Protein backbone atom coordinates (compact mmCIF):
# COMPACT_ATOMS: atom_id res chain seq x y z
CA MET A 1 0.23 1.42 1.24
CA PRO A 2 -0.20 0.70 4.20
CA SER A 3 3.31 0.87 5.44
CA PRO A 4 4.78 -0.83 7.85
CA ARG A 5 6.90 0.94 10.73
CA GLY A 6 10.45 3.01 10.38
CA SER A 7 10.90 6.52 10.15
CA VAL A 8 11.98 8.69 7.09
CA GLU A 9 15.35 8.45 8.12
CA THR A 10 15.48 4.96 8.89
CA GLY A 11 13.83 3.71 5.76
CA GLY A 12 10.10 4.13 6.54
CA ARG A 13 8.08 5.02 9.67
CA SER A 14 5.20 6.17 7.87
CA GLY A 15 4.11 9.58 8.64
CA LYS A 16 6.90 10.86 10.22
CA VAL A 17 9.16 13.60 9.13
CA ASN A 18 12.32 15.19 10.69
CA GLY A 19 11.74 17.87 13.18
CA GLY A 20 14.22 20.22 14.57
CA SER A 21 14.72 17.84 17.76
CA GLY A 22 13.86 14.34 16.43
CA THR A 23 10.95 12.97 14.42
CA GLN A 24 7.35 14.14 14.17
CA ARG A 25 4.45 12.82 12.80
CA ASP A 26 3.06 14.87 9.64
CA ALA A 27 -0.81 15.00 9.86
CA PHE A 28 -1.10 14.92 5.87
CA PHE A 29 0.57 11.81 5.37
CA ASP A 30 -1.55 10.05 8.30
CA ASN A 31 -4.64 11.59 6.70
CA VAL A 32 -3.54 10.10 3.15
CA LYS A 33 -3.03 6.59 4.56
CA TYR A 34 -6.19 6.34 6.53
CA VAL A 35 -8.59 8.03 3.18
CA ALA A 36 -6.84 5.53 0.92
CA ILE A 37 -7.15 2.47 3.02
CA VAL A 38 -10.71 3.32 3.46
CA LEU A 39 -11.23 3.56 -0.35
CA VAL A 40 -9.35 0.10 -0.71
CA ALA A 41 -11.63 -1.31 1.57
CA VAL A 42 -14.75 0.17 0.08
CA ALA A 43 -13.58 -0.48 -3.26
CA HIS A 44 -13.36 -4.45 -2.36
CA ALA A 45 -16.72 -4.44 -0.79
CA TRP A 46 -18.25 -3.09 -4.43
CA GLU A 47 -16.54 -5.90 -6.12
CA PRO A 48 -19.48 -8.53 -5.72
CA LEU A 49 -22.18 -5.52 -6.17
CA LYS A 50 -20.70 -3.71 -9.20
CA GLU A 51 -21.60 -6.35 -12.18
CA ASP A 52 -25.16 -5.15 -11.73
CA SER A 53 -24.66 -1.31 -12.29
CA ARG A 54 -22.79 0.77 -14.81
CA VAL A 55 -22.59 3.36 -12.43
CA LEU A 56 -20.71 1.43 -9.47
CA SER A 57 -18.60 -0.17 -11.88
CA ALA A 58 -17.51 3.31 -13.14
CA LEU A 59 -17.03 4.30 -9.63
CA TYR A 60 -14.90 0.97 -8.83
CA LEU A 61 -12.59 1.99 -11.98
CA PHE A 62 -12.42 5.42 -10.80
CA VAL A 63 -11.05 4.37 -7.50
CA TYR A 64 -8.93 1.61 -8.35
CA ALA A 65 -7.18 4.06 -10.92
CA PHE A 66 -5.64 5.82 -7.98
CA HIS A 67 -5.98 4.23 -4.38
CA MET A 68 -2.90 1.48 -4.57
CA PRO A 69 -0.78 4.09 -6.52
CA ALA A 70 -1.38 6.45 -3.87
CA PHE A 71 -0.18 4.17 -1.53
CA ILE A 72 2.76 3.05 -3.35
CA ILE A 73 3.91 6.57 -3.93
CA VAL A 74 3.69 7.23 -0.19
CA SER A 75 5.36 3.83 0.49
CA GLY A 76 8.36 4.89 -1.85
CA PHE A 77 8.67 8.41 -0.20
CA PHE A 78 9.33 7.10 3.28
CA SER A 79 11.57 4.34 1.69
CA ARG A 80 13.84 7.10 0.60
CA SER A 81 16.99 6.64 3.23
CA PHE A 82 16.24 3.00 3.02
CA ASP A 83 19.73 1.08 3.09
CA THR A 84 21.20 -2.16 4.45
CA ARG A 85 22.33 -0.91 7.85
CA PRO A 86 21.09 -3.90 10.25
CA ASP A 87 18.42 -1.92 12.08
CA ARG A 88 16.35 -0.89 8.88
CA LEU A 89 16.81 -4.79 7.51
CA LYS A 90 15.57 -5.82 11.32
CA ARG A 91 12.44 -3.48 10.65
CA LEU A 92 11.98 -4.77 6.99
CA VAL A 93 11.93 -7.98 8.38
CA THR A 94 9.70 -7.78 11.59
CA GLY A 95 7.42 -4.82 9.79
CA VAL A 96 6.98 -6.70 6.21
CA VAL A 97 8.13 -10.26 6.31
CA VAL A 98 7.00 -11.61 9.40
CA PRO A 99 3.37 -10.21 8.80
CA TYR A 100 3.32 -11.48 5.49
CA ILE A 101 4.36 -15.04 6.46
CA VAL A 102 1.77 -14.61 8.82
CA PHE A 103 -1.04 -13.60 6.93
CA GLU A 104 -0.60 -15.23 3.96
CA THR A 105 -0.85 -18.65 6.13
CA VAL A 106 -4.08 -17.40 7.84
CA TYR A 107 -5.56 -16.40 4.67
CA THR A 108 -5.00 -19.55 3.07
CA LEU A 109 -6.29 -21.80 5.98
CA PHE A 110 -9.43 -19.00 6.47
CA ARG A 111 -9.92 -19.84 2.46
CA ARG A 112 -9.75 -23.41 3.05
CA TYR A 113 -11.84 -23.83 5.76
CA VAL A 114 -14.66 -21.08 5.74
CA GLY A 115 -14.47 -20.63 1.92
CA HIS A 116 -14.55 -24.48 1.71
CA SER A 117 -11.69 -24.58 -0.90
CA PRO A 118 -9.63 -27.71 0.73
CA ASP A 119 -7.19 -28.17 -1.98
CA GLN A 120 -6.12 -24.42 -1.10
CA GLU A 121 -2.34 -25.11 -0.50
CA ILE A 122 0.22 -22.83 1.63
CA SER A 123 2.59 -20.97 -0.45
CA LEU A 124 4.64 -18.18 0.43
CA LEU A 125 5.86 -17.88 -3.16
CA ASP A 126 2.48 -17.49 -4.30
CA PRO A 127 0.46 -14.31 -2.75
CA TRP A 128 -2.99 -14.42 -2.12
CA PHE A 129 -5.52 -11.81 -2.07
CA LEU A 130 -3.83 -8.67 -0.12
CA THR A 131 -0.47 -10.34 0.95
CA TRP A 132 0.93 -9.32 -2.18
CA PHE A 133 1.69 -5.75 -1.36
CA LEU A 134 3.89 -7.06 1.52
CA CYS A 135 5.60 -9.31 -0.86
CA ALA A 136 6.00 -6.23 -3.27
CA LEU A 137 7.36 -3.90 -0.55
CA PHE A 138 9.85 -6.01 0.49
CA ILE A 139 11.25 -6.65 -3.13
CA TRP A 140 11.00 -2.68 -3.80
CA ARG A 141 12.35 -1.70 -0.85
CA LEU A 142 15.56 -4.18 -1.19
CA THR A 143 16.31 -2.79 -4.50
CA THR A 144 16.23 0.98 -3.04
CA PRO A 145 19.78 1.49 -2.78
CA LEU A 146 19.98 0.87 -6.76
CA TRP A 147 17.48 3.01 -7.73
CA LYS A 148 18.93 5.67 -5.49
CA LEU A 149 22.41 4.94 -7.66
CA VAL A 150 21.18 4.91 -11.48
CA ARG A 151 20.89 8.43 -13.19
CA TRP A 152 17.33 7.47 -14.75
CA PRO A 153 15.35 5.73 -11.98
CA LEU A 154 11.94 6.20 -12.92
CA PRO A 155 12.39 5.92 -16.87
CA ILE A 156 13.99 2.71 -16.41
CA ALA A 157 11.19 1.70 -13.88
CA LEU A 158 8.68 2.39 -16.64
CA GLY A 159 10.71 0.09 -19.08
CA ILE A 160 10.79 -2.33 -16.66
CA ALA A 161 6.95 -2.55 -16.22
CA MET A 162 6.36 -2.25 -20.08
CA LEU A 163 8.73 -5.28 -20.64
CA ALA A 164 6.31 -7.17 -17.87
CA SER A 165 3.29 -6.37 -19.25
CA LEU A 166 4.19 -8.08 -22.66
CA SER A 167 5.70 -11.25 -20.77
CA PRO A 168 3.27 -13.78 -19.60
CA ASP A 169 6.12 -16.15 -19.00
CA ILE A 170 6.73 -14.26 -15.62
CA GLY A 171 4.17 -16.55 -13.75
CA ASN A 172 2.67 -16.01 -10.26
CA ASP A 173 5.83 -16.31 -8.12
CA LEU A 174 6.05 -13.62 -5.88
CA ASP A 175 3.21 -12.14 -7.89
CA LEU A 176 6.09 -10.57 -9.86
CA GLN A 177 3.60 -9.22 -12.64
CA ARG A 178 2.48 -6.85 -10.17
CA VAL A 179 5.63 -6.10 -8.22
CA LEU A 180 6.93 -5.35 -11.86
CA GLN A 181 4.11 -3.50 -13.04
CA PHE A 182 3.70 -1.26 -9.69
CA LEU A 183 6.95 -0.78 -9.82
CA PRO A 184 7.31 2.80 -11.25
CA PHE A 185 4.84 4.27 -8.57
CA PHE A 186 7.26 3.25 -6.02
CA VAL A 187 10.29 4.53 -7.63
CA LEU A 188 8.41 7.70 -8.29
CA GLY A 189 7.68 7.78 -4.24
CA LEU A 190 11.51 7.86 -3.98
CA GLY A 191 12.32 10.59 -5.89
CA LEU A 192 9.89 12.93 -4.09
CA GLY A 193 10.30 15.59 -1.66
CA PRO A 194 8.14 17.24 0.83
CA GLU A 195 8.10 20.01 -1.54
CA HIS A 196 6.56 18.21 -3.98
CA PHE A 197 3.41 16.95 -2.03
CA THR A 198 3.05 20.83 -0.99
CA LEU A 199 2.97 21.39 -4.74
CA VAL A 200 0.06 19.57 -5.13
CA ARG A 201 -1.84 20.61 -2.31
CA ARG A 202 -2.26 24.53 -3.37
CA ARG A 203 -5.41 25.80 -3.95
CA SER A 204 -5.00 26.14 -7.45
CA VAL A 205 -4.57 22.65 -7.64
CA ARG A 206 -7.46 21.52 -5.90
CA ILE A 207 -9.62 23.68 -7.89
CA ALA A 208 -8.50 22.47 -10.82
CA SER A 209 -8.79 18.68 -10.01
CA VAL A 210 -12.80 18.95 -10.32
CA PRO A 211 -12.88 18.99 -13.53
CA VAL A 212 -10.27 16.24 -13.86
CA VAL A 213 -12.39 14.08 -11.49
CA ALA A 214 -15.65 14.82 -13.37
CA ALA A 215 -14.12 14.13 -17.04
CA ALA A 216 -12.51 10.83 -14.86
CA LEU A 217 -15.52 9.38 -13.97
CA PHE A 218 -17.63 9.83 -17.17
CA VAL A 219 -14.30 7.95 -18.95
CA GLY A 220 -14.81 5.50 -16.24
CA TRP A 221 -18.40 5.09 -17.08
CA TRP A 222 -17.97 5.24 -21.13
CA ALA A 223 -15.32 2.71 -20.50
CA VAL A 224 -16.87 -0.12 -18.25
CA PRO A 225 -18.72 -2.00 -21.33
CA ARG A 226 -15.59 -1.37 -23.83
CA MET A 227 -12.66 -2.36 -21.58
CA ASN A 228 -11.10 -5.07 -19.57
CA THR A 229 -11.01 -3.75 -16.08
CA ALA A 230 -8.24 -6.27 -15.26
CA TRP A 231 -5.68 -3.90 -16.61
CA PHE A 232 -6.09 -1.52 -13.56
CA TYR A 233 -5.35 -4.66 -11.47
CA HIS A 234 -1.65 -4.87 -13.03
CA ARG A 235 -1.41 -8.83 -12.49
CA SER A 236 -1.69 -9.76 -16.11
CA SER A 237 0.30 -9.55 -19.14
CA ALA A 238 -1.58 -8.12 -22.62
CA GLN A 239 -1.97 -11.71 -23.80
CA GLU A 240 -2.93 -13.26 -20.96
CA LEU A 241 -5.80 -10.16 -21.21
CA GLY A 242 -6.58 -11.25 -24.58
CA ALA A 243 -5.17 -8.17 -26.10
CA PRO A 244 -1.99 -7.78 -28.76
CA TRP A 245 1.60 -7.68 -26.97
CA TRP A 246 1.72 -4.18 -28.31
CA ALA A 247 -1.02 -3.16 -26.18
CA GLY A 248 0.70 -3.87 -22.70
CA PRO A 249 3.08 -1.17 -23.30
CA VAL A 250 0.87 1.32 -24.34
CA MET A 251 -1.51 0.82 -21.40
CA THR A 252 1.13 0.55 -18.75
CA LEU A 253 2.37 3.86 -19.88
CA ALA A 254 -1.64 5.36 -20.53
CA LEU A 255 -2.36 3.99 -17.00
CA PHE A 256 0.58 5.54 -15.23
CA GLY A 257 -0.45 8.93 -16.49
CA CYS A 258 -3.94 8.49 -15.91
CA SER A 259 -3.28 6.94 -12.25
CA LEU A 260 -0.46 9.89 -11.68
CA VAL A 261 -2.91 12.88 -12.36
CA LEU A 262 -5.62 11.03 -10.02
CA THR A 263 -3.26 10.67 -7.47
CA ALA A 264 -2.61 14.36 -7.29
CA CYS A 265 -6.06 15.24 -7.35
CA PHE A 266 -6.67 13.16 -4.28
CA PHE A 267 -3.69 14.66 -2.64
CA ALA A 268 -4.89 17.92 -3.31
CA TRP A 269 -8.30 17.31 -1.66
CA VAL A 270 -6.44 15.42 1.76
CA PRO A 271 -6.34 17.83 4.44
CA GLY A 272 -3.12 18.68 5.58
CA ARG A 273 -4.05 19.58 9.10
CA ARG A 274 -4.88 17.17 12.43
CA THR A 275 -8.22 16.07 12.14
CA TRP A 276 -10.34 13.23 13.85
CA PHE A 277 -8.82 10.50 11.84
CA THR A 278 -5.36 11.59 11.86
CA ALA A 279 -4.24 9.27 14.33
CA LEU A 280 -5.66 6.29 12.35
CA GLY A 281 -3.18 6.84 9.81
CA ALA A 282 -0.79 5.19 11.82
CA GLY A 283 -2.61 1.90 11.79
CA THR A 284 -3.52 1.29 7.93
CA LEU A 285 -1.47 -1.71 7.82
CA TYR A 286 -3.99 -3.05 10.44
CA GLY A 287 -6.88 -2.12 8.30
CA TYR A 288 -5.44 -3.42 5.66
CA LEU A 289 -4.61 -6.91 6.32
CA LEU A 290 -7.29 -7.49 8.66
CA HIS A 291 -10.28 -6.18 6.48
CA GLY A 292 -9.86 -9.08 4.20
CA PHE A 293 -11.32 -11.20 6.69
CA LEU A 294 -14.51 -9.25 6.37
CA THR A 295 -15.12 -8.89 2.72
CA LYS A 296 -14.04 -12.31 2.14
CA SER A 297 -16.18 -13.69 5.03
CA ALA A 298 -19.39 -11.49 3.36
CA ASP A 299 -18.40 -13.38 0.29
CA TYR A 300 -18.38 -16.77 1.54
CA ARG A 301 -21.25 -16.33 3.28
CA GLY A 302 -23.52 -14.72 0.79
CA TRP A 303 -23.84 -11.68 2.59
CA VAL A 304 -24.08 -9.38 -0.41
CA ASP A 305 -26.56 -11.64 -2.40
CA HIS A 306 -29.76 -10.02 -1.11
CA THR A 307 -31.26 -8.51 -4.08
CA TRP A 308 -32.18 -5.05 -2.04
CA LEU A 309 -28.27 -4.50 -1.63
CA HIS A 310 -27.82 -4.29 -5.16
CA GLY A 311 -29.22 -0.96 -5.51
CA PRO A 312 -28.17 2.82 -4.69
CA LEU A 313 -29.36 2.24 -1.17
CA GLY A 314 -27.44 -0.81 -0.55
CA TRP A 315 -24.30 0.35 -2.19
CA LEU A 316 -24.42 3.22 0.44
CA LEU A 317 -25.04 0.64 3.34
CA VAL A 318 -22.47 -1.56 2.44
CA SER A 319 -19.69 1.34 1.66
CA THR A 320 -20.79 2.79 5.19
CA LEU A 321 -20.35 -0.58 7.06
CA THR A 322 -17.00 -1.41 5.40
CA ALA A 323 -15.72 2.42 6.26
CA VAL A 324 -16.82 2.06 9.68
CA ALA A 325 -15.11 -1.39 10.27
CA VAL A 326 -11.96 -0.65 8.67
CA THR A 327 -12.32 2.73 10.89
CA LEU A 328 -12.32 0.38 13.79
CA LEU A 329 -9.37 -1.84 12.57
CA CYS A 330 -7.01 1.01 12.53
CA THR A 331 -7.65 2.12 16.11
CA GLN A 332 -5.22 1.48 19.25
CA PRO A 333 -7.30 -1.27 20.60
CA VAL A 334 -6.86 -3.55 17.82
CA ARG A 335 -3.37 -2.78 17.25
CA ARG A 336 -2.51 -3.61 20.60
CA VAL A 337 -3.88 -7.18 19.92
CA PHE A 338 -2.04 -7.72 16.55
CA ARG A 339 1.01 -6.12 17.40
CA CYS A 340 2.51 -9.19 18.18
CA VAL A 341 2.25 -10.45 14.80
CA MET A 342 2.48 -7.09 12.42
CA GLU A 343 4.94 -5.39 14.62
CA PRO A 344 6.94 -7.82 16.36
CA GLU A 345 10.33 -6.71 18.34
CA MET A 346 11.81 -10.11 17.69
CA LYS A 347 15.08 -9.17 19.88
CA TRP A 348 15.53 -13.00 20.21
CA ALA A 349 15.89 -13.40 16.70
CA PHE A 350 18.82 -10.95 16.16
CA LYS A 351 22.16 -10.34 17.07
CA GLN A 352 22.92 -7.14 19.30
CA ASP A 353 24.19 -4.07 17.02
CA PRO A 354 26.66 -1.94 18.79
CA GLY A 355 26.03 1.03 16.58
CA GLU A 356 22.03 0.72 17.06
CA GLN A 357 22.67 0.45 21.05
CA ALA A 358 25.06 3.70 20.85
CA ARG A 359 22.45 5.61 18.54
CA ALA A 360 19.30 4.47 20.84
CA ARG A 361 21.63 5.66 24.22
CA GLN A 362 22.10 9.39 22.24
CA GLN A 363 18.52 9.50 21.61
CA ALA A 364 17.75 8.57 24.95
CA GLY A 365 20.13 11.70 26.22
CA GLN A 366 22.71 9.25 27.39
CA ARG A 367 26.50 9.65 27.28
CA PRO A 368 28.88 6.55 26.88
CA GLU A 369 31.23 5.99 29.95
CA HIS A 370 34.52 7.25 29.29
CA GLY A 371 37.61 5.07 28.99
CA LYS A 372 35.27 2.49 27.42
CA THR A 373 36.79 1.23 24.15
CA GLY A 374 34.05 -0.42 21.67
CA ALA A 375 31.80 -1.54 24.42
CA VAL A 376 28.39 -0.26 25.01
CA ALA A 377 25.51 -1.52 27.62
CA VAL A 378 22.61 -3.41 26.15
CA GLY A 379 19.70 -1.07 26.04
CA SER A 380 16.06 -1.68 27.94
């Protein structure tokens, strides 16, 4: 999940954990986010190629079974301390709402003029393509205090997801069907601690994951001609997929279990040490939102229609180019250019919070002047 900014203790600074003298980035989570965003982009690139190959379709199903659940679990983990404190709400607006509005508008215009769909309307209530995740993250984070209050959050979230899967009348507003069906992964992340991630990174789990992954790839190959892949998108009810109503709850539970197992296998193999790509984990929101323009351009321009791309060498080339492209989109120069719309400060839009100013002064090692009651200087 490309997580927007914010710290663990403030409700979501992706990749940061408490340290003895403040906060420090955890290399493991930055590595998870980078590898996951590469898988997201590569899977999108495979989409126009997979229809010609059962093998590529199986790989596509395999990746789709865990890449977004992994993102969402990590997003939940880094939302554990989210509450309605003003500074956290501000970060929710600047790091989630503003990018959603900007990219929902830009993607719609892109589809209208580059994709030759002049009737495409701009609607902030109907997320298109990648922006659904920001909409979902906004809703999930706002409900975080509620999930921390109830006694059995995960069973309740699973119940909601199951009910959503058999409710075709939910509609497309805010992509609620997908928001509700993916909800259990976010709630699960809220309930996890660092020790749980340490548990799945043990050598025994890494070894056990090998036959599990092999079995999952075989099941994916077997399921390609027998299963509707739309189940993995979690955006439709059972009735909309032409299945009986009871298939919705059954598939919700089955896919949740499969995704959870494969996500654990994924976490087991992600390195916990600093690597050459660790720093890129801080820019996954950029890679996530920007790579869609490349993917859609390839679709609109017919770049992947060449016959020679629909074979093993073509898949390898497309996958490599996509991985390189999304890696570049996560780099610091790109982040500097687009920070104004993805992580804007927007100080002009918010009232000054005395409590936040006091915390900023304290973190900077400053002490408020004695004799002042209820007033602090505005920080720079």
